[in-house]
Protein backbone atom coordinates (compact mmCIF):
# COMPACT_ATOMS: atom_id res chain seq x y z
CA MET A 1 11.12 -54.85 -6.87
CA ARG A 2 8.61 -54.50 -4.20
CA VAL A 3 10.06 -55.56 -0.64
CA SER A 4 8.03 -56.26 2.65
CA LEU A 5 8.24 -53.95 5.67
CA ASP A 6 10.91 -56.12 7.57
CA GLU A 7 12.94 -56.56 4.23
CA ALA A 8 12.86 -52.67 3.93
CA VAL A 9 14.31 -52.51 7.42
CA ALA A 10 16.95 -54.87 6.86
CA ARG A 11 17.98 -53.05 3.52
CA LEU A 12 18.08 -49.76 5.23
CA LYS A 13 20.14 -50.60 8.20
CA ASN A 14 22.51 -51.93 5.48
CA GLY A 15 22.77 -48.82 3.92
CA GLU A 16 20.73 -49.62 0.87
CA VAL A 17 17.85 -47.14 -0.55
CA VAL A 18 14.35 -47.98 -0.62
CA ALA A 19 11.73 -46.23 -2.03
CA ILE A 20 8.84 -45.73 0.79
CA PRO A 21 5.53 -44.41 0.51
CA THR A 22 4.38 -41.24 2.48
CA GLU A 23 1.21 -39.37 2.39
CA THR A 24 2.61 -36.63 -0.03
CA VAL A 25 4.55 -38.64 -2.91
CA TYR A 26 6.92 -41.79 -2.43
CA GLY A 27 10.40 -40.93 -1.11
CA LEU A 28 13.69 -42.88 -1.80
CA ALA A 29 14.92 -43.16 1.94
CA ALA A 30 18.29 -44.07 3.05
CA ASP A 31 19.67 -43.66 6.75
CA ALA A 32 20.14 -40.21 7.39
CA SER A 33 22.99 -40.97 9.14
CA ASN A 34 25.01 -42.92 6.44
CA ASP A 35 27.03 -40.61 4.14
CA ALA A 36 27.21 -43.68 1.78
CA ALA A 37 23.61 -44.31 1.25
CA LEU A 38 22.99 -40.68 0.99
CA ARG A 39 25.30 -40.59 -1.91
CA GLN A 40 23.43 -43.24 -3.36
CA VAL A 41 20.08 -41.46 -3.12
CA TYR A 42 21.42 -38.58 -5.16
CA ALA A 43 23.22 -40.61 -7.86
CA VAL A 44 19.85 -42.57 -8.13
CA LYS A 45 17.56 -39.57 -8.18
CA GLN A 46 20.52 -37.56 -10.70
CA ARG A 47 20.08 -34.88 -8.05
CA PRO A 48 22.47 -32.14 -7.34
CA MET A 49 24.66 -32.35 -3.94
CA ASP A 50 23.69 -29.12 -3.27
CA ASN A 51 20.25 -29.82 -3.00
CA PRO A 52 19.49 -30.72 0.44
CA LEU A 53 17.01 -33.80 1.81
CA ILE A 54 14.36 -33.90 4.32
CA VAL A 55 14.82 -35.96 6.70
CA HIS A 56 11.94 -38.14 8.18
CA ILE A 57 11.54 -38.60 12.17
CA ALA A 58 9.17 -40.38 14.24
CA ASP A 59 8.18 -37.80 16.67
CA ALA A 60 9.24 -33.94 17.49
CA ASN A 61 11.12 -35.72 20.56
CA GLN A 62 13.83 -36.30 18.22
CA VAL A 63 14.38 -32.82 16.93
CA PRO A 64 16.93 -31.85 19.25
CA ASP A 65 18.80 -34.86 17.83
CA TRP A 66 19.32 -32.87 14.65
CA ALA A 67 18.77 -29.27 15.40
CA THR A 68 20.72 -26.66 17.87
CA GLU A 69 17.45 -24.79 18.53
CA PHE A 70 13.79 -25.91 18.97
CA PRO A 71 11.93 -22.45 19.57
CA PRO A 72 8.63 -22.43 21.30
CA LEU A 73 7.28 -21.06 17.66
CA ALA A 74 8.50 -24.56 16.29
CA GLN A 75 7.12 -26.33 18.86
CA LYS A 76 3.52 -24.81 18.40
CA LEU A 77 3.90 -25.24 14.59
CA THR A 78 4.99 -29.26 15.17
CA GLN A 79 2.47 -29.84 17.55
CA ALA A 80 -0.14 -28.54 14.96
CA PHE A 81 0.59 -30.06 11.64
CA TRP A 82 2.82 -33.22 12.84
CA PRO A 83 2.42 -35.80 11.87
CA GLY A 84 1.76 -34.49 8.56
CA PRO A 85 2.54 -33.05 5.17
CA PHE A 86 4.78 -30.19 6.85
CA THR A 87 8.46 -29.58 6.85
CA LEU A 88 10.46 -27.63 9.39
CA VAL A 89 13.72 -26.29 8.67
CA LEU A 90 16.08 -25.42 11.66
CA PRO A 91 19.61 -24.82 12.50
CA ALA A 92 21.98 -28.28 12.26
CA LYS A 93 23.68 -29.80 14.72
CA GLU A 94 27.39 -29.58 13.29
CA SER A 95 27.15 -33.70 13.46
CA VAL A 96 24.52 -34.11 11.28
CA SER A 97 25.62 -34.96 7.41
CA ARG A 98 26.90 -32.24 5.21
CA ILE A 99 25.55 -34.51 2.53
CA VAL A 100 21.86 -34.72 4.23
CA ARG A 101 21.58 -30.78 4.62
CA GLY A 102 23.54 -29.99 1.02
CA ASN A 103 26.09 -27.98 2.54
CA GLN A 104 23.70 -25.84 4.54
CA PRO A 105 23.73 -24.80 8.14
CA THR A 106 20.19 -25.77 8.28
CA VAL A 107 18.33 -29.40 8.20
CA ALA A 108 14.97 -30.00 7.01
CA LEU A 109 12.76 -32.21 9.59
CA ARG A 110 9.33 -33.82 8.98
CA VAL A 111 7.09 -36.76 10.71
CA PRO A 112 5.24 -38.19 8.07
CA SER A 113 1.25 -39.37 9.04
CA HIS A 114 1.28 -42.14 6.49
CA PRO A 115 1.21 -45.61 8.99
CA VAL A 116 3.52 -47.67 6.94
CA ALA A 117 6.42 -44.47 6.88
CA LEU A 118 5.69 -44.26 10.53
CA GLN A 119 5.97 -48.16 11.21
CA LEU A 120 8.85 -48.21 9.21
CA LEU A 121 10.50 -45.31 11.50
CA LYS A 122 9.66 -46.85 14.72
CA GLN A 123 10.18 -50.32 13.59
CA SER A 124 13.64 -49.63 12.12
CA GLY A 125 15.06 -46.92 14.64
CA LEU A 126 16.27 -44.75 11.77
CA ALA A 127 15.95 -41.20 10.58
CA LEU A 128 15.30 -41.71 6.69
CA ALA A 129 16.32 -39.01 4.39
CA ALA A 130 13.83 -39.27 1.62
CA PRO A 131 13.56 -36.97 -1.34
CA SER A 132 10.68 -37.64 -3.97
CA ALA A 133 11.51 -41.44 -5.45
CA ASN A 134 11.93 -39.96 -9.14
CA LYS A 135 14.86 -38.30 -11.42
CA PHE A 136 15.52 -35.17 -10.50
CA THR A 137 13.14 -32.27 -12.16
CA GLN A 138 10.64 -35.47 -12.83
CA LEU A 139 7.02 -35.89 -12.26
CA SER A 140 7.06 -36.98 -8.40
CA PRO A 141 5.38 -40.70 -8.08
CA THR A 142 2.16 -41.31 -5.88
CA THR A 143 2.16 -45.27 -6.37
CA ALA A 144 4.56 -47.68 -6.33
CA ALA A 145 4.20 -48.39 -10.01
CA HIS A 146 4.95 -44.87 -10.91
CA VAL A 147 8.46 -45.41 -8.75
CA SER A 148 9.01 -48.72 -10.89
CA ALA A 149 8.34 -46.94 -14.37
CA GLY A 150 10.53 -43.94 -13.24
CA LEU A 151 13.58 -45.49 -11.72
CA GLY A 152 13.50 -49.13 -12.83
CA GLU A 153 12.62 -52.41 -11.24
CA GLN A 154 15.77 -52.50 -9.71
CA VAL A 155 14.91 -50.16 -7.12
CA ALA A 156 13.07 -51.90 -3.87
CA VAL A 157 9.98 -50.36 -3.25
CA LEU A 158 7.75 -50.42 -0.09
CA ASP A 159 4.09 -50.58 -1.47
CA GLY A 160 1.91 -48.39 0.74
CA GLY A 161 -0.42 -47.75 -1.64
CA ALA A 162 -1.54 -44.49 -3.27
CA CYS A 163 -0.68 -41.07 -1.58
CA LYS A 164 -3.56 -39.29 0.04
CA VAL A 165 -2.13 -35.83 0.13
CA GLY A 166 -0.80 -35.98 -3.71
CA ILE A 167 1.94 -33.08 -3.36
CA GLU A 168 5.03 -32.37 -1.67
CA SER A 169 4.99 -30.94 1.92
CA THR A 170 4.97 -27.33 2.68
CA ILE A 171 8.32 -25.88 4.38
CA VAL A 172 8.71 -23.21 6.72
CA SER A 173 12.04 -22.03 8.04
CA VAL A 174 11.79 -20.76 11.94
CA GLU A 175 14.08 -18.36 13.56
CA GLY A 176 13.34 -17.15 16.79
CA ASP A 177 9.82 -15.89 16.87
CA ASP A 178 9.77 -15.57 12.94
CA TRP A 179 8.87 -17.79 10.27
CA ARG A 180 9.34 -17.73 6.39
CA MET A 181 7.52 -19.97 3.87
CA LEU A 182 10.09 -21.69 1.80
CA ARG A 183 7.95 -23.81 -0.21
CA LEU A 184 4.04 -24.10 -0.81
CA GLY A 185 2.00 -27.42 0.10
CA MET A 186 -1.26 -28.19 1.22
CA ILE A 187 -0.62 -26.71 4.85
CA ASN A 188 -1.42 -23.13 3.74
CA GLU A 189 0.03 -20.10 4.98
CA ALA A 190 -3.14 -19.18 6.38
CA ALA A 191 -3.24 -21.81 8.61
CA ILE A 192 0.39 -21.35 9.84
CA GLU A 193 -0.42 -18.01 10.55
CA ALA A 194 -3.30 -18.93 12.67
CA VAL A 195 -1.20 -21.21 14.89
CA ALA A 196 2.04 -19.04 14.84
CA GLY A 197 -0.19 -16.17 15.58
CA LYS A 198 1.84 -13.96 13.09
CA PRO A 199 2.15 -13.89 9.46
CA ALA A 200 5.19 -14.97 7.70
CA LEU A 201 8.14 -12.65 7.01
CA GLU A 202 8.02 -11.31 3.41
CA ILE A 203 10.96 -12.69 1.62
CA GLN A 204 12.96 -10.15 -0.04
CA HIS A 205 14.25 -10.78 -3.63
CA ASN A 206 17.87 -9.45 -2.89
CA LEU A 207 18.00 -11.65 0.25
CA THR A 208 17.04 -14.79 -1.47
CA ASN A 209 20.66 -15.91 -1.23
CA ASP A 210 20.46 -15.48 2.24
CA LEU A 211 17.39 -18.55 2.75
CA PRO A 212 17.89 -21.95 3.63
CA LYS A 213 17.99 -23.60 0.21
CA VAL A 214 15.23 -26.22 0.34
CA PRO A 215 13.70 -28.61 -2.36
CA GLY A 216 11.56 -28.10 -5.11
CA GLN A 217 12.61 -24.79 -5.70
CA HIS A 218 13.99 -25.56 -9.37
CA LEU A 219 12.32 -23.27 -11.94
CA LEU A 220 11.78 -26.79 -13.91
CA HIS A 221 10.31 -29.13 -11.25
CA TYR A 222 7.42 -31.93 -10.97
CA SER A 223 7.55 -32.15 -14.75
CA PRO A 224 6.27 -35.09 -16.74
CA LYS A 225 8.35 -35.89 -20.22
CA THR A 226 5.56 -34.43 -22.65
CA PRO A 227 5.74 -30.77 -22.62
CA ILE A 228 2.59 -28.82 -20.68
CA LYS A 229 0.86 -26.03 -22.17
CA LEU A 230 -1.35 -24.10 -19.32
CA PHE A 231 -4.65 -21.93 -20.06
CA GLU A 232 -6.85 -19.83 -17.75
CA SER A 233 -9.99 -20.55 -19.13
CA ARG A 234 -11.67 -23.81 -20.68
CA PRO A 235 -12.34 -22.40 -23.70
CA ALA A 236 -9.14 -21.34 -24.74
CA LEU A 237 -7.92 -24.82 -24.10
CA VAL A 238 -10.53 -26.34 -26.35
CA SER A 239 -10.04 -23.69 -29.06
CA PHE A 240 -6.05 -24.37 -29.14
CA ALA A 241 -6.70 -28.60 -28.94
CA ARG A 242 -9.26 -28.52 -32.10
CA THR A 243 -7.21 -26.38 -33.86
CA SER A 244 -3.49 -27.80 -32.84
CA PRO A 245 -1.71 -29.73 -35.41
CA GLN A 246 -0.14 -31.48 -32.53
CA LYS A 247 -1.55 -34.46 -30.82
CA CYS A 248 -2.85 -33.57 -27.49
CA ALA A 249 -4.33 -34.63 -24.63
CA ALA A 250 -5.83 -32.60 -21.96
CA LEU A 251 -6.07 -32.06 -18.15
CA LEU A 252 -9.84 -30.49 -17.47
CA VAL A 253 -10.99 -28.77 -13.78
CA GLY A 254 -14.61 -29.43 -12.95
CA GLU A 255 -17.57 -30.40 -15.00
CA ILE A 256 -17.66 -30.97 -18.28
CA GLY A 257 -21.04 -29.75 -19.48
CA ASN A 258 -21.94 -29.98 -22.86
CA SER A 259 -19.67 -31.24 -25.82
CA ASN A 260 -18.80 -27.80 -27.17
CA ASN A 261 -16.68 -27.76 -23.53
CA LEU A 262 -15.01 -30.96 -25.04
CA PRO A 263 -11.20 -30.49 -26.25
CA GLY A 264 -11.78 -33.36 -29.07
CA CYS A 265 -8.44 -35.20 -27.41
CA ASN A 266 -8.06 -37.29 -24.63
CA TYR A 267 -8.67 -36.15 -21.29
CA VAL A 268 -8.84 -36.24 -17.55
CA ASN A 269 -10.91 -34.15 -15.71
CA LEU A 270 -10.56 -33.44 -11.88
CA PRO A 271 -13.07 -31.98 -9.18
CA VAL A 272 -12.86 -28.04 -8.32
CA ASP A 273 -11.56 -29.23 -4.84
CA ALA A 274 -8.19 -28.38 -3.95
CA GLU A 275 -7.60 -31.24 -1.79
CA LYS A 276 -8.88 -33.89 -4.28
CA PHE A 277 -7.58 -32.48 -7.03
CA ALA A 278 -3.99 -32.53 -5.37
CA GLU A 279 -4.27 -35.95 -4.54
CA LEU A 280 -4.89 -36.64 -8.11
CA LEU A 281 -2.72 -34.45 -10.19
CA TYR A 282 0.73 -36.18 -10.26
CA SER A 283 -1.27 -39.60 -11.22
CA SER A 284 -3.39 -37.90 -13.83
CA LEU A 285 -0.22 -36.36 -15.33
CA HIS A 286 1.75 -39.80 -15.17
CA ALA A 287 -1.16 -41.25 -17.16
CA LEU A 288 -1.53 -38.71 -19.64
CA ASP A 289 1.94 -38.54 -19.86
CA ASN A 290 1.92 -42.52 -20.65
CA LEU A 291 -0.22 -41.84 -23.96
CA GLY A 292 2.85 -40.92 -26.07
CA VAL A 293 1.14 -37.51 -27.19
CA GLU A 294 3.26 -34.31 -28.46
CA LEU A 295 1.73 -32.04 -25.77
CA LEU A 296 -0.34 -32.17 -22.33
CA LEU A 297 -2.77 -29.15 -22.44
CA VAL A 298 -3.80 -28.40 -18.88
CA GLU A 299 -6.55 -26.14 -17.55
CA LEU A 300 -5.68 -23.92 -14.45
CA PRO A 301 -7.62 -24.13 -11.10
CA PRO A 302 -8.84 -20.95 -9.44
CA ASN A 303 -6.06 -18.54 -8.50
CA ALA A 304 -7.24 -18.79 -4.81
CA PRO A 305 -5.32 -19.49 -1.32
CA GLU A 306 -6.15 -22.88 -0.95
CA TRP A 307 -5.01 -23.70 -5.03
CA LEU A 308 -1.58 -22.17 -4.58
CA ALA A 309 0.55 -25.02 -3.93
CA ILE A 310 -0.90 -26.53 -7.19
CA LEU A 311 -0.68 -23.72 -9.16
CA ASP A 312 2.92 -23.63 -7.91
CA ARG A 313 3.59 -27.26 -9.39
CA LEU A 314 1.80 -26.68 -12.41
CA GLY A 315 3.91 -23.55 -13.30
CA ARG A 316 7.14 -25.67 -12.39
CA ALA A 317 5.93 -28.59 -14.47
CA ALA A 318 5.31 -26.45 -17.44
CA HIS A 319 8.70 -24.09 -17.48
CA PRO A 320 10.35 -24.56 -20.64
CA LYS A 321 13.15 -27.47 -20.55
């Protein structure tokens, strides 16, 4: 169900949920200070209640409303990356809903760069918790049509067109003068290190329970209904596709070349450009998922720093259900 900006504002102020566009993916938004509305988000998504939500705010001046600390390093990072696909995790004020922070002592904050999302935040005067507008662990939506297909026509959707970044935001925690990478995104570690002036603290495996819990870290995540099989080379994918008894479709990276490089099934090919690939990734997987095949074959992109967030999403999408 499509709604106007004014209707979206009215619904959100009335404690309802509305799917909204951001530059990353569509989010299922609710007033971040309304516990009943927040519970609706978890219920619609079928998301565990201990999985915190990202709070979307209109500008960095609102950070002190939510966090007990806003250290100089965090301020530098927000000046560099907000508005944009960058989420900052800080110690939460006691007044912040335990539902929005998943019972964690921290809160995740972001200023989106999508013009419709910013207009909604400013016009409503609300801070909006807005996890991806899909069922838990499923493929994130990057168009209004994806939201309706995944959650049903009864969910109100503010249509802002196709998302330009295409995958979820980078998440970083800041503690004093130090920072940690908690979720990979299209703002990569090198870009953050250049602003911070220091590398991220390494995450020790035996200390992971002490780290802030953040969205998108389930082993199975960002997943279409059709199982995915990953391939490190085009020849391996083509050989499998031509001999598999299963009905397949494929996602290829880069130029097709001659017919020897074709898998002999329906396919989509995306450019060898990390930003464009990310923008089109989820919409391509949605399209392939709708073909009704038994298996999706995905050629992996290069293993390089600018591709790490994409490789993370593909690895989780292909995790056994």
